[in-house]
Amino acid sequence: MPYAQSRVVYLKPGQIMVSSDPVLVATLLGSCVAVTIFNYRLRLGAICHAQLPGDGRFTGGEVHEGAGKYVDTAIREMLEWLLSRGALRGELEAKVFGGSDMFDVRGRGRSVGRENAEMALKILARESVRVAKQDLGGERGRKIIFHPHTGEVYLKRLRKSGVC
């Protein structure tokens, strides 16, 4: 099916999608982080739109309700779904986007965007998932379109005021 005729799914904050269907998954990012994980052999991809770095409740193989809201649990939930569908950990490739500093944080310490980006890279390294591409930080939002059946991601940087 040509991309022009593909179904478009808008991924909202806190959501996760795993699919091998020829759909286009679009999302807008500011300080949030989107992580895509793809398995070439199965033509199976996953994406999350996580809002916060972690909730501190992840204790192992359990995923709690609302896991897509947090970077740490969203990545682990995507991995669980991919592995349960036959993917092997060594075959997975990740791409990470977002984590912008959308607001002035002078004097307030680290930004949520930076913490989200660092958490994503930390969890992927801990889970031995190779990061093939990353576009993180800065002051501008991003629009990404993910093709879960090919692993392709298209990126457009937005004007500074484009995303809250």
C-alpha atoms as a PDB file:
ATOM      1  CA  MET A   1       0.000   0.000   0.000  1.00  0.00           C
ATOM      2  CA  PRO A   2       1.526   3.381  -0.956  1.00  0.00           C
ATOM      3  CA  TYR A   3       2.186   5.764   1.932  1.00  0.00           C
ATOM      4  CA  ALA A   4      -0.297   8.291   0.532  1.00  0.00           C
ATOM      5  CA  GLN A   5      -3.067   5.728   1.049  1.00  0.00           C
ATOM      6  CA  SER A   6      -1.852   4.489   4.440  1.00  0.00           C
ATOM      7  CA  ARG A   7      -3.955   4.952   7.522  1.00  0.00           C
ATOM      8  CA  VAL A   8      -2.596   7.642   9.848  1.00  0.00           C
ATOM      9  CA  VAL A   9      -2.697   7.121  13.607  1.00  0.00           C
ATOM     10  CA  TYR A  10      -2.042  10.043  15.942  1.00  0.00           C
ATOM     11  CA  LEU A  11      -0.132   8.872  19.015  1.00  0.00           C
ATOM     12  CA  LYS A  12      -1.111  10.912  22.051  1.00  0.00           C
ATOM     13  CA  PRO A  13       1.029  11.498  25.146  1.00  0.00           C
ATOM     14  CA  GLY A  14       1.200   8.377  27.297  1.00  0.00           C
ATOM     15  CA  GLN A  15       0.321   5.996  24.460  1.00  0.00           C
ATOM     16  CA  ILE A  16       2.244   3.034  23.060  1.00  0.00           C
ATOM     17  CA  MET A  17       1.660   1.262  19.744  1.00  0.00           C
ATOM     18  CA  VAL A  18       3.114  -1.999  18.437  1.00  0.00           C
ATOM     19  CA  SER A  19       2.304  -2.967  14.851  1.00  0.00           C
ATOM     20  CA  SER A  20       3.468  -4.606  11.652  1.00  0.00           C
ATOM     21  CA  ASP A  21       0.671  -2.992   9.632  1.00  0.00           C
ATOM     22  CA  PRO A  22       1.447  -0.361   6.982  1.00  0.00           C
ATOM     23  CA  VAL A  23       0.163   2.561   9.048  1.00  0.00           C
ATOM     24  CA  LEU A  24       1.748   5.942   9.663  1.00  0.00           C
ATOM     25  CA  VAL A  25       2.072   6.889  13.322  1.00  0.00           C
ATOM     26  CA  ALA A  26       2.381  10.643  13.842  1.00  0.00           C
ATOM     27  CA  THR A  27       3.091  12.502  17.066  1.00  0.00           C
ATOM     28  CA  LEU A  28       4.182  15.945  18.255  1.00  0.00           C
ATOM     29  CA  LEU A  29       6.930  16.273  20.833  1.00  0.00           C
ATOM     30  CA  GLY A  30       8.176  19.020  23.099  1.00  0.00           C
ATOM     31  CA  SER A  31       9.789  17.904  26.339  1.00  0.00           C
ATOM     32  CA  CYS A  32       8.230  14.459  25.823  1.00  0.00           C
ATOM     33  CA  VAL A  33      10.243  11.653  24.239  1.00  0.00           C
ATOM     34  CA  ALA A  34       9.266   9.246  21.480  1.00  0.00           C
ATOM     35  CA  VAL A  35      11.194   5.993  21.270  1.00  0.00           C
ATOM     36  CA  THR A  36      10.794   3.676  18.303  1.00  0.00           C
ATOM     37  CA  ILE A  37      12.023   0.096  18.368  1.00  0.00           C
ATOM     38  CA  PHE A  38      12.079  -1.985  15.184  1.00  0.00           C
ATOM     39  CA  ASN A  39      12.761  -5.622  14.291  1.00  0.00           C
ATOM     40  CA  TYR A  40      13.758  -6.049  10.630  1.00  0.00           C
ATOM     41  CA  ARG A  41      13.215  -9.826  10.496  1.00  0.00           C
ATOM     42  CA  LEU A  42       9.593  -9.571  11.669  1.00  0.00           C
ATOM     43  CA  ARG A  43       8.929  -6.123  10.107  1.00  0.00           C
ATOM     44  CA  LEU A  44       7.498  -5.215  13.518  1.00  0.00           C
ATOM     45  CA  GLY A  45       7.799  -1.835  15.179  1.00  0.00           C
ATOM     46  CA  ALA A  46       6.843  -0.141  18.422  1.00  0.00           C
ATOM     47  CA  ILE A  47       6.603   3.499  19.427  1.00  0.00           C
ATOM     48  CA  CYS A  48       5.855   5.349  22.649  1.00  0.00           C
ATOM     49  CA  HIS A  49       5.151   8.989  23.494  1.00  0.00           C
ATOM     50  CA  ALA A  50       6.390   9.270  27.079  1.00  0.00           C
ATOM     51  CA  GLN A  51       5.889  12.383  29.208  1.00  0.00           C
ATOM     52  CA  LEU A  52       8.047  11.874  32.311  1.00  0.00           C
ATOM     53  CA  PRO A  53      11.349  10.077  32.950  1.00  0.00           C
ATOM     54  CA  GLY A  54      10.140   7.486  35.462  1.00  0.00           C
ATOM     55  CA  ASP A  55       7.770   6.881  38.306  1.00  0.00           C
ATOM     56  CA  GLY A  56      10.078   4.833  40.512  1.00  0.00           C
ATOM     57  CA  ARG A  57       7.666   1.906  40.730  1.00  0.00           C
ATOM     58  CA  PHE A  58       9.195  -0.378  38.099  1.00  0.00           C
ATOM     59  CA  THR A  59      10.466  -3.413  39.943  1.00  0.00           C
ATOM     60  CA  GLY A  60      11.195  -5.908  37.194  1.00  0.00           C
ATOM     61  CA  GLY A  61       8.973  -7.695  34.704  1.00  0.00           C
ATOM     62  CA  GLU A  62       5.721  -6.117  35.846  1.00  0.00           C
ATOM     63  CA  VAL A  63       4.194  -3.240  33.918  1.00  0.00           C
ATOM     64  CA  HIS A  64       1.622  -1.206  35.744  1.00  0.00           C
ATOM     65  CA  GLU A  65      -1.366   0.703  34.410  1.00  0.00           C
ATOM     66  CA  GLY A  66      -0.350   3.925  32.673  1.00  0.00           C
ATOM     67  CA  ALA A  67       3.153   2.673  31.831  1.00  0.00           C
ATOM     68  CA  GLY A  68       3.199   4.677  28.587  1.00  0.00           C
ATOM     69  CA  LYS A  69       3.350   7.927  30.525  1.00  0.00           C
ATOM     70  CA  TYR A  70       6.843   7.181  31.831  1.00  0.00           C
ATOM     71  CA  VAL A  71       9.972   6.692  29.698  1.00  0.00           C
ATOM     72  CA  ASP A  72      11.336   3.792  31.753  1.00  0.00           C
ATOM     73  CA  THR A  73       8.177   1.694  31.855  1.00  0.00           C
ATOM     74  CA  ALA A  74       7.122   2.554  28.285  1.00  0.00           C
ATOM     75  CA  ILE A  75      10.387   1.203  26.855  1.00  0.00           C
ATOM     76  CA  ARG A  76      10.181  -1.942  28.953  1.00  0.00           C
ATOM     77  CA  GLU A  77       6.566  -2.520  27.944  1.00  0.00           C
ATOM     78  CA  MET A  78       7.426  -2.138  24.254  1.00  0.00           C
ATOM     79  CA  LEU A  79      10.280  -4.616  24.679  1.00  0.00           C
ATOM     80  CA  GLU A  80       7.984  -7.079  26.417  1.00  0.00           C
ATOM     81  CA  TRP A  81       5.461  -6.867  23.566  1.00  0.00           C
ATOM     82  CA  LEU A  82       8.130  -7.224  20.847  1.00  0.00           C
ATOM     83  CA  LEU A  83       9.840 -10.160  22.552  1.00  0.00           C
ATOM     84  CA  SER A  84       6.499 -11.896  23.131  1.00  0.00           C
ATOM     85  CA  ARG A  85       5.828 -11.663  19.377  1.00  0.00           C
ATOM     86  CA  GLY A  86       9.078 -13.438  18.495  1.00  0.00           C
ATOM     87  CA  ALA A  87      11.654 -10.648  18.299  1.00  0.00           C
ATOM     88  CA  LEU A  88      15.119 -11.371  19.637  1.00  0.00           C
ATOM     89  CA  ARG A  89      16.839  -8.698  21.728  1.00  0.00           C
ATOM     90  CA  GLY A  90      19.916  -8.595  19.448  1.00  0.00           C
ATOM     91  CA  GLU A  91      17.727  -7.836  16.421  1.00  0.00           C
ATOM     92  CA  LEU A  92      16.184  -4.658  17.842  1.00  0.00           C
ATOM     93  CA  GLU A  93      17.071  -1.150  16.724  1.00  0.00           C
ATOM     94  CA  ALA A  94      15.914   2.003  18.519  1.00  0.00           C
ATOM     95  CA  LYS A  95      15.540   5.640  17.501  1.00  0.00           C
ATOM     96  CA  VAL A  96      14.952   8.367  20.093  1.00  0.00           C
ATOM     97  CA  PHE A  97      13.433  11.823  19.567  1.00  0.00           C
ATOM     98  CA  GLY A  98      12.321  14.817  21.620  1.00  0.00           C
ATOM     99  CA  GLY A  99      13.398  15.942  25.044  1.00  0.00           C
ATOM    100  CA  SER A 100      13.391  19.634  24.168  1.00  0.00           C
ATOM    101  CA  ASP A 101      13.855  22.398  26.704  1.00  0.00           C
ATOM    102  CA  MET A 102      10.613  24.129  25.814  1.00  0.00           C
ATOM    103  CA  PHE A 103      10.621  26.493  28.783  1.00  0.00           C
ATOM    104  CA  ASP A 104      13.237  28.667  30.463  1.00  0.00           C
ATOM    105  CA  VAL A 105      14.641  26.588  33.355  1.00  0.00           C
ATOM    106  CA  ARG A 106      17.380  28.931  34.576  1.00  0.00           C
ATOM    107  CA  GLY A 107      17.841  28.508  38.295  1.00  0.00           C
ATOM    108  CA  ARG A 108      15.446  25.555  38.472  1.00  0.00           C
ATOM    109  CA  GLY A 109      17.907  22.789  37.767  1.00  0.00           C
ATOM    110  CA  ARG A 110      17.516  20.211  35.026  1.00  0.00           C
ATOM    111  CA  SER A 111      14.653  20.284  32.560  1.00  0.00           C
ATOM    112  CA  VAL A 112      12.090  17.509  32.181  1.00  0.00           C
ATOM    113  CA  GLY A 113      13.060  17.248  28.511  1.00  0.00           C
ATOM    114  CA  ARG A 114      16.693  16.569  29.326  1.00  0.00           C
ATOM    115  CA  GLU A 115      15.726  14.058  32.026  1.00  0.00           C
ATOM    116  CA  ASN A 116      13.401  12.267  29.577  1.00  0.00           C
ATOM    117  CA  ALA A 117      16.152  12.000  26.953  1.00  0.00           C
ATOM    118  CA  GLU A 118      18.726  10.758  29.468  1.00  0.00           C
ATOM    119  CA  MET A 119      16.299   8.166  30.877  1.00  0.00           C
ATOM    120  CA  ALA A 120      15.508   6.821  27.387  1.00  0.00           C
ATOM    121  CA  LEU A 121      19.180   6.359  26.511  1.00  0.00           C
ATOM    122  CA  LYS A 122      19.930   4.844  29.936  1.00  0.00           C
ATOM    123  CA  ILE A 123      17.112   2.267  29.740  1.00  0.00           C
ATOM    124  CA  LEU A 124      17.940   1.308  26.139  1.00  0.00           C
ATOM    125  CA  ALA A 125      21.602   0.784  27.095  1.00  0.00           C
ATOM    126  CA  ARG A 126      20.611  -1.239  30.168  1.00  0.00           C
ATOM    127  CA  GLU A 127      18.311  -3.406  28.011  1.00  0.00           C
ATOM    128  CA  SER A 128      21.054  -3.861  25.362  1.00  0.00           C
ATOM    129  CA  VAL A 129      19.045  -2.218  22.567  1.00  0.00           C
ATOM    130  CA  ARG A 130      21.191  -0.466  19.967  1.00  0.00           C
ATOM    131  CA  VAL A 131      20.323   3.187  19.320  1.00  0.00           C
ATOM    132  CA  ALA A 132      20.639   3.764  15.565  1.00  0.00           C
ATOM    133  CA  LYS A 133      19.569   7.427  15.548  1.00  0.00           C
ATOM    134  CA  GLN A 134      18.716  10.139  18.000  1.00  0.00           C
ATOM    135  CA  ASP A 135      17.524  13.720  17.735  1.00  0.00           C
ATOM    136  CA  LEU A 136      17.290  15.069  21.266  1.00  0.00           C
ATOM    137  CA  GLY A 137      17.304  18.339  23.177  1.00  0.00           C
ATOM    138  CA  GLY A 138      17.314  21.849  21.856  1.00  0.00           C
ATOM    139  CA  GLU A 139      14.554  24.402  22.208  1.00  0.00           C
ATOM    140  CA  ARG A 140      12.259  23.351  19.374  1.00  0.00           C
ATOM    141  CA  GLY A 141       9.499  20.799  19.246  1.00  0.00           C
ATOM    142  CA  ARG A 142       9.384  18.012  16.701  1.00  0.00           C
ATOM    143  CA  LYS A 143       6.827  16.215  14.595  1.00  0.00           C
ATOM    144  CA  ILE A 144       7.696  12.632  13.782  1.00  0.00           C
ATOM    145  CA  ILE A 145       6.033  10.081  11.546  1.00  0.00           C
ATOM    146  CA  PHE A 146       6.915   6.450  12.200  1.00  0.00           C
ATOM    147  CA  HIS A 147       6.356   3.560   9.803  1.00  0.00           C
ATOM    148  CA  PRO A 148       6.121   0.497  12.102  1.00  0.00           C
ATOM    149  CA  HIS A 149       6.327  -1.928   9.164  1.00  0.00           C
ATOM    150  CA  THR A 150       9.629  -0.481   7.826  1.00  0.00           C
ATOM    151  CA  GLY A 151      11.194   1.221  10.845  1.00  0.00           C
ATOM    152  CA  GLU A 152      11.494   4.523   8.970  1.00  0.00           C
ATOM    153  CA  VAL A 153      11.029   7.753  10.901  1.00  0.00           C
ATOM    154  CA  TYR A 154      10.507  11.153   9.315  1.00  0.00           C
ATOM    155  CA  LEU A 155      11.336  14.195  11.431  1.00  0.00           C
ATOM    156  CA  LYS A 156      10.293  17.830  11.140  1.00  0.00           C
ATOM    157  CA  ARG A 157      11.548  20.414  13.623  1.00  0.00           C
ATOM    158  CA  LEU A 158       8.902  22.911  14.630  1.00  0.00           C
ATOM    159  CA  ARG A 159       9.182  26.570  15.475  1.00  0.00           C
ATOM    160  CA  LYS A 160      10.067  27.192  19.087  1.00  0.00           C
ATOM    161  CA  SER A 161       6.472  28.051  19.972  1.00  0.00           C
ATOM    162  CA  GLY A 162       4.985  25.132  17.989  1.00  0.00           C
ATOM    163  CA  VAL A 163       4.524  22.684  20.870  1.00  0.00           C
ATOM    164  CA  CYS A 164       3.922  23.183  24.560  1.00  0.00           C
END
